[in-house]
Amino acid sequence: MLDRVIVHTMICPFCRVDNDRVIDSRTSPDGLAIRRRRECLDCKRRFTTYERVEELSLKVIKKDGGRVPFDREKIKRGLEKACWKRPISGDEIERVVTSIENDVYANFETEVPTDYLGEAVMQRLKLLDQIAYVRFASVYREFKDVREFVDELEPMIDRNGPRPDIKLPK
């Protein structure tokens, strides 16, 4: 019986040639992906690829009742905007996205409400960075005025103690 060797190559993101070799392979920390370090045999540059199991098509139920495919990249983009110019690394953002994705696939089979996703992002951002949390909350909750904004902040201010130099509107 002959063993078959399957060679998987990727197009190099630098020179666009389909000629590389895998230097290193390891399982991601969450165990859901394989991280492969590759070297292009033409331009000799190195790049990383991730191989993930393709999950069943999960739909997100939007506020208007419409349904769209679940997209982890959309969550990542939202987190990146909220964390812009904050001391949060790309790895930390990726961990949050993976955590939310794992949570969604563990708790939903075919559809997940957009409210669940928004609250999951806010819950994790509140622990990661309060400024990023407030940025995300202001867009997600669609604050109409400053009072709604302050109402969202008050539990965090109460928990951390008031700052004497900040006067909140009544």
N, C-alpha and C. Protein backbone atom coordinates (compact mmCIF):
# COMPACT_ATOMS: atom_id res chain seq x y z
N MET A 1 0.85 -1.17 0.00
CA MET A 1 0.00 0.00 0.00
C MET A 1 0.89 1.24 0.00
N LEU A 2 0.63 2.14 -0.89
CA LEU A 2 1.44 3.36 -1.00
C LEU A 2 0.88 4.44 -0.10
N ASP A 3 1.76 5.10 0.61
CA ASP A 3 1.35 6.27 1.39
C ASP A 3 1.31 7.46 0.46
N ARG A 4 0.25 8.23 0.59
CA ARG A 4 0.15 9.44 -0.22
C ARG A 4 0.64 10.63 0.58
N VAL A 5 1.46 11.44 -0.04
CA VAL A 5 1.93 12.66 0.59
C VAL A 5 1.18 13.81 -0.06
N ILE A 6 0.50 14.57 0.77
CA ILE A 6 -0.25 15.72 0.26
C ILE A 6 0.55 16.96 0.61
N VAL A 7 0.86 17.74 -0.39
CA VAL A 7 1.62 18.96 -0.18
C VAL A 7 0.67 20.14 -0.30
N HIS A 8 0.60 20.94 0.75
CA HIS A 8 -0.23 22.13 0.75
C HIS A 8 0.68 23.33 0.62
N THR A 9 0.48 24.13 -0.37
CA THR A 9 1.26 25.34 -0.50
C THR A 9 0.31 26.53 -0.44
N MET A 10 0.85 27.65 -0.12
CA MET A 10 0.09 28.89 -0.02
C MET A 10 0.74 29.91 -0.94
N ILE A 11 -0.03 30.85 -1.39
CA ILE A 11 0.53 31.94 -2.19
C ILE A 11 1.23 32.89 -1.23
N CYS A 12 2.48 33.19 -1.52
CA CYS A 12 3.27 34.09 -0.68
C CYS A 12 2.62 35.49 -0.70
N PRO A 13 2.39 36.08 0.47
CA PRO A 13 1.77 37.41 0.50
C PRO A 13 2.70 38.52 0.00
N PHE A 14 3.99 38.20 -0.16
CA PHE A 14 4.96 39.21 -0.58
C PHE A 14 5.22 39.18 -2.08
N CYS A 15 5.53 37.98 -2.62
CA CYS A 15 5.88 37.89 -4.05
C CYS A 15 4.80 37.21 -4.89
N ARG A 16 3.71 36.71 -4.22
CA ARG A 16 2.55 36.11 -4.87
C ARG A 16 2.87 34.80 -5.61
N VAL A 17 3.94 34.12 -5.22
CA VAL A 17 4.32 32.85 -5.82
C VAL A 17 3.80 31.71 -4.94
N ASP A 18 3.37 30.63 -5.57
CA ASP A 18 2.83 29.47 -4.85
C ASP A 18 3.93 28.43 -4.70
N ASN A 19 4.91 28.75 -3.83
CA ASN A 19 6.05 27.86 -3.65
C ASN A 19 6.66 28.13 -2.27
N ASP A 20 6.21 27.35 -1.28
CA ASP A 20 6.71 27.57 0.07
C ASP A 20 6.92 26.25 0.78
N ARG A 21 7.52 26.34 1.96
CA ARG A 21 7.66 25.16 2.80
C ARG A 21 7.26 25.54 4.22
N VAL A 22 6.77 24.56 4.95
CA VAL A 22 6.38 24.78 6.34
C VAL A 22 7.60 24.59 7.22
N ILE A 23 7.89 25.61 8.02
CA ILE A 23 9.05 25.58 8.92
C ILE A 23 8.64 25.04 10.28
N ASP A 24 7.46 25.44 10.74
CA ASP A 24 7.01 25.06 12.07
C ASP A 24 5.49 24.98 12.08
N SER A 25 4.94 23.98 12.77
CA SER A 25 3.50 23.82 12.95
C SER A 25 3.22 23.59 14.41
N ARG A 26 2.21 24.28 14.92
CA ARG A 26 1.78 24.02 16.30
C ARG A 26 0.32 24.39 16.46
N THR A 27 -0.28 23.78 17.44
CA THR A 27 -1.68 24.05 17.73
C THR A 27 -1.79 25.38 18.45
N SER A 28 -2.82 26.16 18.12
CA SER A 28 -3.03 27.43 18.79
C SER A 28 -3.41 27.17 20.25
N PRO A 29 -3.26 28.19 21.11
CA PRO A 29 -3.57 27.99 22.53
C PRO A 29 -5.00 27.51 22.79
N ASP A 30 -5.95 27.93 21.95
CA ASP A 30 -7.34 27.51 22.16
C ASP A 30 -7.61 26.12 21.60
N GLY A 31 -6.64 25.55 20.87
CA GLY A 31 -6.78 24.20 20.34
C GLY A 31 -7.69 24.10 19.13
N LEU A 32 -8.14 25.24 18.60
CA LEU A 32 -9.07 25.22 17.47
C LEU A 32 -8.42 25.52 16.14
N ALA A 33 -7.14 25.77 16.14
CA ALA A 33 -6.47 26.10 14.89
C ALA A 33 -5.04 25.55 14.92
N ILE A 34 -4.47 25.45 13.73
CA ILE A 34 -3.07 25.08 13.61
C ILE A 34 -2.34 26.29 13.03
N ARG A 35 -1.31 26.71 13.72
CA ARG A 35 -0.49 27.83 13.29
C ARG A 35 0.68 27.25 12.52
N ARG A 36 0.88 27.72 11.30
CA ARG A 36 2.00 27.23 10.50
C ARG A 36 2.90 28.41 10.10
N ARG A 37 4.17 28.26 10.39
CA ARG A 37 5.17 29.24 9.98
C ARG A 37 5.73 28.74 8.66
N ARG A 38 5.69 29.58 7.64
CA ARG A 38 6.11 29.17 6.30
C ARG A 38 7.22 30.07 5.78
N GLU A 39 7.99 29.50 4.82
CA GLU A 39 9.03 30.29 4.15
C GLU A 39 8.82 30.14 2.65
N CYS A 40 8.76 31.28 1.97
CA CYS A 40 8.64 31.26 0.51
C CYS A 40 9.99 30.82 -0.06
N LEU A 41 9.95 29.85 -0.96
CA LEU A 41 11.18 29.35 -1.55
C LEU A 41 11.72 30.26 -2.65
N ASP A 42 10.88 31.21 -3.11
CA ASP A 42 11.35 32.16 -4.12
C ASP A 42 11.99 33.40 -3.49
N CYS A 43 11.21 34.12 -2.67
CA CYS A 43 11.74 35.38 -2.11
C CYS A 43 12.38 35.20 -0.72
N LYS A 44 12.26 34.01 -0.14
CA LYS A 44 12.89 33.65 1.14
C LYS A 44 12.27 34.36 2.35
N ARG A 45 11.14 35.07 2.17
CA ARG A 45 10.49 35.73 3.31
C ARG A 45 9.60 34.73 4.03
N ARG A 46 9.35 35.00 5.29
CA ARG A 46 8.55 34.10 6.11
C ARG A 46 7.20 34.73 6.44
N PHE A 47 6.19 33.88 6.59
CA PHE A 47 4.86 34.34 6.94
C PHE A 47 4.14 33.25 7.72
N THR A 48 3.07 33.63 8.39
CA THR A 48 2.31 32.72 9.24
C THR A 48 0.92 32.51 8.65
N THR A 49 0.45 31.27 8.68
CA THR A 49 -0.92 30.97 8.27
C THR A 49 -1.59 30.22 9.41
N TYR A 50 -2.92 30.28 9.43
CA TYR A 50 -3.71 29.56 10.43
C TYR A 50 -4.70 28.67 9.71
N GLU A 51 -4.78 27.44 10.15
CA GLU A 51 -5.72 26.48 9.59
C GLU A 51 -6.76 26.23 10.67
N ARG A 52 -8.04 26.51 10.35
CA ARG A 52 -9.13 26.34 11.30
C ARG A 52 -10.14 25.35 10.76
N VAL A 53 -10.81 24.68 11.67
CA VAL A 53 -11.90 23.81 11.28
C VAL A 53 -13.05 24.69 10.84
N GLU A 54 -13.63 24.39 9.72
CA GLU A 54 -14.76 25.17 9.25
C GLU A 54 -16.01 24.70 9.98
N GLU A 55 -16.59 25.63 10.71
CA GLU A 55 -17.79 25.32 11.49
C GLU A 55 -19.02 25.37 10.58
N LEU A 56 -20.09 24.82 11.09
CA LEU A 56 -21.35 24.93 10.38
C LEU A 56 -21.70 26.40 10.23
N SER A 57 -22.44 26.72 9.21
CA SER A 57 -22.75 28.11 8.96
C SER A 57 -23.71 28.64 10.03
N LEU A 58 -23.19 29.52 10.85
CA LEU A 58 -23.95 30.14 11.92
C LEU A 58 -24.42 31.50 11.44
N LYS A 59 -25.67 31.82 11.70
CA LYS A 59 -26.23 33.10 11.28
C LYS A 59 -26.39 34.02 12.48
N VAL A 60 -26.22 35.31 12.23
CA VAL A 60 -26.45 36.33 13.26
C VAL A 60 -27.80 36.97 12.96
N ILE A 61 -28.66 37.01 13.99
CA ILE A 61 -29.96 37.65 13.84
C ILE A 61 -29.80 39.12 14.18
N LYS A 62 -29.94 39.97 13.16
CA LYS A 62 -29.76 41.41 13.33
C LYS A 62 -30.96 42.02 14.05
N LYS A 63 -30.82 43.26 14.50
CA LYS A 63 -31.89 43.95 15.22
C LYS A 63 -33.16 44.08 14.37
N ASP A 64 -32.99 44.21 13.06
CA ASP A 64 -34.15 44.35 12.17
C ASP A 64 -34.75 43.00 11.78
N GLY A 65 -34.22 41.90 12.33
CA GLY A 65 -34.74 40.57 12.04
C GLY A 65 -34.02 39.86 10.89
N GLY A 66 -33.19 40.61 10.15
CA GLY A 66 -32.44 40.01 9.05
C GLY A 66 -31.38 39.05 9.59
N ARG A 67 -30.91 38.18 8.72
CA ARG A 67 -29.89 37.21 9.11
C ARG A 67 -28.70 37.32 8.19
N VAL A 68 -27.51 37.34 8.80
CA VAL A 68 -26.25 37.40 8.05
C VAL A 68 -25.32 36.35 8.61
N PRO A 69 -24.36 35.88 7.82
CA PRO A 69 -23.41 34.89 8.33
C PRO A 69 -22.58 35.46 9.48
N PHE A 70 -22.29 34.62 10.48
CA PHE A 70 -21.41 35.01 11.57
C PHE A 70 -20.03 35.30 10.99
N ASP A 71 -19.42 36.41 11.39
CA ASP A 71 -18.13 36.82 10.85
C ASP A 71 -17.23 37.28 11.99
N ARG A 72 -16.28 36.43 12.33
CA ARG A 72 -15.36 36.77 13.43
C ARG A 72 -14.55 38.02 13.11
N GLU A 73 -14.30 38.27 11.83
CA GLU A 73 -13.52 39.46 11.44
C GLU A 73 -14.28 40.75 11.74
N LYS A 74 -15.61 40.71 11.67
CA LYS A 74 -16.40 41.90 11.99
C LYS A 74 -16.26 42.21 13.48
N ILE A 75 -16.26 41.20 14.32
CA ILE A 75 -16.05 41.40 15.76
C ILE A 75 -14.65 41.96 15.99
N LYS A 76 -13.68 41.41 15.29
CA LYS A 76 -12.30 41.88 15.44
C LYS A 76 -12.17 43.34 15.03
N ARG A 77 -12.81 43.73 13.91
CA ARG A 77 -12.75 45.13 13.47
C ARG A 77 -13.37 46.06 14.51
N GLY A 78 -14.51 45.65 15.09
CA GLY A 78 -15.15 46.46 16.13
C GLY A 78 -14.25 46.62 17.34
N LEU A 79 -13.60 45.55 17.74
CA LEU A 79 -12.67 45.62 18.87
C LEU A 79 -11.47 46.51 18.54
N GLU A 80 -10.96 46.38 17.34
CA GLU A 80 -9.80 47.21 16.95
C GLU A 80 -10.16 48.69 16.98
N LYS A 81 -11.37 49.04 16.53
CA LYS A 81 -11.80 50.45 16.58
C LYS A 81 -11.92 50.92 18.01
N ALA A 82 -12.52 50.09 18.87
CA ALA A 82 -12.69 50.47 20.27
C ALA A 82 -11.34 50.60 20.98
N CYS A 83 -10.39 49.79 20.59
CA CYS A 83 -9.07 49.75 21.25
C CYS A 83 -8.03 50.64 20.58
N TRP A 84 -8.45 51.41 19.59
CA TRP A 84 -7.53 52.28 18.85
C TRP A 84 -6.80 53.22 19.80
N LYS A 85 -5.50 53.25 19.69
CA LYS A 85 -4.61 54.08 20.51
C LYS A 85 -4.69 53.75 22.00
N ARG A 86 -5.02 52.54 22.32
CA ARG A 86 -5.03 52.05 23.70
C ARG A 86 -3.90 51.03 23.83
N PRO A 87 -3.41 50.80 25.04
CA PRO A 87 -2.29 49.86 25.22
C PRO A 87 -2.74 48.40 25.18
N ILE A 88 -3.35 48.01 24.07
CA ILE A 88 -3.88 46.66 23.92
C ILE A 88 -3.25 46.06 22.67
N SER A 89 -2.62 44.92 22.82
CA SER A 89 -1.91 44.30 21.70
C SER A 89 -2.87 43.58 20.76
N GLY A 90 -2.39 43.32 19.57
CA GLY A 90 -3.16 42.54 18.60
C GLY A 90 -3.44 41.14 19.12
N ASP A 91 -2.50 40.58 19.88
CA ASP A 91 -2.71 39.25 20.46
C ASP A 91 -3.85 39.27 21.47
N GLU A 92 -3.94 40.34 22.26
CA GLU A 92 -5.04 40.44 23.24
C GLU A 92 -6.38 40.54 22.52
N ILE A 93 -6.43 41.31 21.45
CA ILE A 93 -7.66 41.43 20.67
C ILE A 93 -8.02 40.08 20.08
N GLU A 94 -7.04 39.38 19.55
CA GLU A 94 -7.28 38.05 18.96
C GLU A 94 -7.80 37.07 20.01
N ARG A 95 -7.27 37.16 21.23
CA ARG A 95 -7.75 36.29 22.31
C ARG A 95 -9.21 36.58 22.64
N VAL A 96 -9.58 37.86 22.66
CA VAL A 96 -10.97 38.23 22.94
C VAL A 96 -11.88 37.70 21.84
N VAL A 97 -11.48 37.89 20.59
CA VAL A 97 -12.29 37.40 19.47
C VAL A 97 -12.46 35.89 19.55
N THR A 98 -11.38 35.17 19.82
CA THR A 98 -11.44 33.72 19.93
C THR A 98 -12.33 33.30 21.09
N SER A 99 -12.25 34.01 22.20
CA SER A 99 -13.09 33.71 23.35
C SER A 99 -14.57 33.87 23.01
N ILE A 100 -14.90 34.96 22.32
CA ILE A 100 -16.29 35.19 21.91
C ILE A 100 -16.74 34.13 20.92
N GLU A 101 -15.89 33.82 19.95
CA GLU A 101 -16.23 32.80 18.95
C GLU A 101 -16.46 31.44 19.62
N ASN A 102 -15.59 31.05 20.54
CA ASN A 102 -15.76 29.79 21.25
C ASN A 102 -17.07 29.78 22.03
N ASP A 103 -17.37 30.89 22.69
CA ASP A 103 -18.60 31.02 23.46
C ASP A 103 -19.82 30.85 22.56
N VAL A 104 -19.80 31.51 21.41
CA VAL A 104 -20.93 31.45 20.48
C VAL A 104 -21.14 30.03 19.98
N TYR A 105 -20.07 29.37 19.55
CA TYR A 105 -20.22 28.01 19.02
C TYR A 105 -20.58 27.00 20.11
N ALA A 106 -20.24 27.31 21.35
CA ALA A 106 -20.60 26.41 22.45
C ALA A 106 -22.07 26.56 22.84
N ASN A 107 -22.64 27.75 22.62
CA ASN A 107 -23.99 28.02 23.09
C ASN A 107 -25.07 28.12 22.02
N PHE A 108 -24.68 28.19 20.76
CA PHE A 108 -25.66 28.34 19.68
C PHE A 108 -25.31 27.38 18.55
N GLU A 109 -26.35 26.81 17.95
CA GLU A 109 -26.11 25.86 16.86
C GLU A 109 -26.28 26.48 15.49
N THR A 110 -27.34 27.25 15.29
CA THR A 110 -27.59 27.77 13.95
C THR A 110 -27.71 29.29 13.89
N GLU A 111 -28.21 29.91 14.99
CA GLU A 111 -28.41 31.36 14.98
C GLU A 111 -28.04 31.96 16.33
N VAL A 112 -27.47 33.15 16.29
CA VAL A 112 -27.12 33.88 17.51
C VAL A 112 -27.64 35.31 17.36
N PRO A 113 -28.32 35.83 18.39
CA PRO A 113 -28.80 37.22 18.31
C PRO A 113 -27.64 38.21 18.39
N THR A 114 -27.76 39.28 17.65
CA THR A 114 -26.71 40.31 17.65
C THR A 114 -26.55 40.90 19.05
N ASP A 115 -27.65 40.95 19.83
CA ASP A 115 -27.55 41.46 21.21
C ASP A 115 -26.58 40.61 22.03
N TYR A 116 -26.62 39.31 21.84
CA TYR A 116 -25.72 38.41 22.58
C TYR A 116 -24.27 38.74 22.24
N LEU A 117 -23.99 38.96 20.97
CA LEU A 117 -22.62 39.28 20.55
C LEU A 117 -22.16 40.61 21.13
N GLY A 118 -23.03 41.63 21.05
CA GLY A 118 -22.68 42.95 21.59
C GLY A 118 -22.39 42.90 23.07
N GLU A 119 -23.23 42.19 23.81
CA GLU A 119 -23.02 42.08 25.26
C GLU A 119 -21.75 41.28 25.57
N ALA A 120 -21.46 40.26 24.77
CA ALA A 120 -20.24 39.47 24.97
C ALA A 120 -19.00 40.33 24.76
N VAL A 121 -19.03 41.18 23.74
CA VAL A 121 -17.90 42.09 23.48
C VAL A 121 -17.76 43.07 24.64
N MET A 122 -18.89 43.66 25.06
CA MET A 122 -18.84 44.65 26.14
C MET A 122 -18.34 44.03 27.45
N GLN A 123 -18.80 42.84 27.76
CA GLN A 123 -18.38 42.15 28.98
C GLN A 123 -16.86 41.97 29.00
N ARG A 124 -16.29 41.57 27.88
CA ARG A 124 -14.85 41.33 27.82
C ARG A 124 -14.06 42.64 27.79
N LEU A 125 -14.58 43.65 27.09
CA LEU A 125 -13.90 44.94 27.04
C LEU A 125 -13.88 45.61 28.41
N LYS A 126 -14.94 45.44 29.18
CA LYS A 126 -15.01 46.05 30.51
C LYS A 126 -13.85 45.55 31.37
N LEU A 127 -13.48 44.29 31.19
CA LEU A 127 -12.36 43.71 31.94
C LEU A 127 -11.01 44.09 31.34
N LEU A 128 -10.97 44.30 30.03
CA LEU A 128 -9.72 44.55 29.33
C LEU A 128 -9.28 46.01 29.43
N ASP A 129 -10.22 46.94 29.14
CA ASP A 129 -9.86 48.36 29.10
C ASP A 129 -11.13 49.19 29.19
N GLN A 130 -11.24 50.03 30.21
CA GLN A 130 -12.47 50.79 30.42
C GLN A 130 -12.73 51.82 29.32
N ILE A 131 -11.69 52.42 28.78
CA ILE A 131 -11.87 53.40 27.71
C ILE A 131 -12.39 52.71 26.45
N ALA A 132 -11.80 51.58 26.11
CA ALA A 132 -12.28 50.82 24.94
C ALA A 132 -13.72 50.38 25.17
N TYR A 133 -14.04 50.00 26.41
CA TYR A 133 -15.40 49.59 26.74
C TYR A 133 -16.38 50.74 26.47
N VAL A 134 -16.05 51.94 26.95
CA VAL A 134 -16.94 53.09 26.78
C VAL A 134 -17.08 53.45 25.30
N ARG A 135 -16.00 53.37 24.57
CA ARG A 135 -16.07 53.64 23.12
C ARG A 135 -17.04 52.68 22.44
N PHE A 136 -16.86 51.39 22.74
CA PHE A 136 -17.72 50.38 22.12
C PHE A 136 -19.17 50.57 22.56
N ALA A 137 -19.38 50.79 23.86
CA ALA A 137 -20.74 50.95 24.40
C ALA A 137 -21.44 52.14 23.77
N SER A 138 -20.72 53.23 23.53
CA SER A 138 -21.36 54.42 22.96
C SER A 138 -21.90 54.15 21.56
N VAL A 139 -21.24 53.31 20.81
CA VAL A 139 -21.71 52.95 19.47
C VAL A 139 -22.77 51.86 19.56
N TYR A 140 -22.49 50.82 20.33
CA TYR A 140 -23.40 49.68 20.43
C TYR A 140 -24.75 50.07 21.04
N ARG A 141 -24.72 50.85 22.10
CA ARG A 141 -25.96 51.24 22.78
C ARG A 141 -26.62 52.45 22.14
N GLU A 142 -25.96 53.05 21.17
CA GLU A 142 -26.50 54.19 20.43
C GLU A 142 -27.00 55.29 21.36
N PHE A 143 -26.09 55.79 22.22
CA PHE A 143 -26.47 56.84 23.15
C PHE A 143 -27.03 58.04 22.41
N LYS A 144 -28.11 58.58 22.93
CA LYS A 144 -28.77 59.74 22.30
C LYS A 144 -28.31 61.06 22.91
N ASP A 145 -27.86 61.01 24.17
CA ASP A 145 -27.40 62.25 24.82
C ASP A 145 -26.36 61.92 25.89
N VAL A 146 -25.82 62.96 26.48
CA VAL A 146 -24.76 62.82 27.47
C VAL A 146 -25.26 62.07 28.71
N ARG A 147 -26.52 62.25 29.07
CA ARG A 147 -27.07 61.59 30.26
C ARG A 147 -26.98 60.07 30.12
N GLU A 148 -27.33 59.53 28.95
CA GLU A 148 -27.22 58.08 28.72
C GLU A 148 -25.77 57.63 28.84
N PHE A 149 -24.87 58.46 28.36
CA PHE A 149 -23.44 58.15 28.43
C PHE A 149 -23.00 58.09 29.90
N VAL A 150 -23.40 59.08 30.68
CA VAL A 150 -23.04 59.14 32.10
C VAL A 150 -23.67 57.96 32.85
N ASP A 151 -24.91 57.61 32.51
CA ASP A 151 -25.57 56.47 33.15
C ASP A 151 -24.75 55.18 32.96
N GLU A 152 -24.14 55.03 31.80
CA GLU A 152 -23.31 53.86 31.52
C GLU A 152 -22.02 53.90 32.35
N LEU A 153 -21.51 55.12 32.56
CA LEU A 153 -20.25 55.27 33.29
C LEU A 153 -20.40 55.17 34.81
N GLU A 154 -21.54 55.56 35.33
CA GLU A 154 -21.71 55.65 36.79
C GLU A 154 -21.35 54.37 37.54
N PRO A 155 -21.76 53.17 37.09
CA PRO A 155 -21.35 51.97 37.84
C PRO A 155 -19.83 51.80 37.90
N MET A 156 -19.13 52.17 36.83
CA MET A 156 -17.67 52.06 36.84
C MET A 156 -17.06 53.11 37.75
N ILE A 157 -17.63 54.32 37.75
CA ILE A 157 -17.12 55.39 38.60
C ILE A 157 -17.36 55.04 40.06
N ASP A 158 -18.56 54.54 40.38
CA ASP A 158 -18.88 54.15 41.75
C ASP A 158 -17.94 53.07 42.25
N ARG A 159 -17.62 52.09 41.38
CA ARG A 159 -16.75 50.99 41.76
C ARG A 159 -15.32 51.47 42.01
N ASN A 160 -14.87 52.44 41.20
CA ASN A 160 -13.48 52.92 41.32
C ASN A 160 -13.36 54.11 42.27
N GLY A 161 -14.47 54.62 42.74
CA GLY A 161 -14.44 55.81 43.59
C GLY A 161 -14.44 57.06 42.75
N PRO A 162 -15.12 58.11 43.22
CA PRO A 162 -15.19 59.35 42.43
C PRO A 162 -13.84 60.06 42.39
N ARG A 163 -13.63 60.75 41.30
CA ARG A 163 -12.43 61.59 41.19
C ARG A 163 -12.85 63.01 41.54
N PRO A 164 -12.15 63.67 42.45
CA PRO A 164 -12.58 65.00 42.89
C PRO A 164 -12.53 66.05 41.79
N ASP A 165 -11.72 65.82 40.74
CA ASP A 165 -11.59 66.82 39.68
C ASP A 165 -12.67 66.69 38.59
N ILE A 166 -13.55 65.68 38.70
CA ILE A 166 -14.58 65.47 37.69
C ILE A 166 -15.95 65.72 38.33
N LYS A 167 -16.71 66.63 37.74
CA LYS A 167 -18.06 66.91 38.20
C LYS A 167 -19.03 66.33 37.16
N LEU A 168 -19.84 65.38 37.59
CA LEU A 168 -20.82 64.78 36.71
C LEU A 168 -22.07 65.63 36.67
N PRO A 169 -22.70 65.76 35.48
CA PRO A 169 -23.94 66.53 35.40
C PRO A 169 -25.06 65.80 36.13
N LYS A 170 -25.99 66.58 36.72
CA LYS A 170 -27.13 66.00 37.44
C LYS A 170 -28.32 65.87 36.53
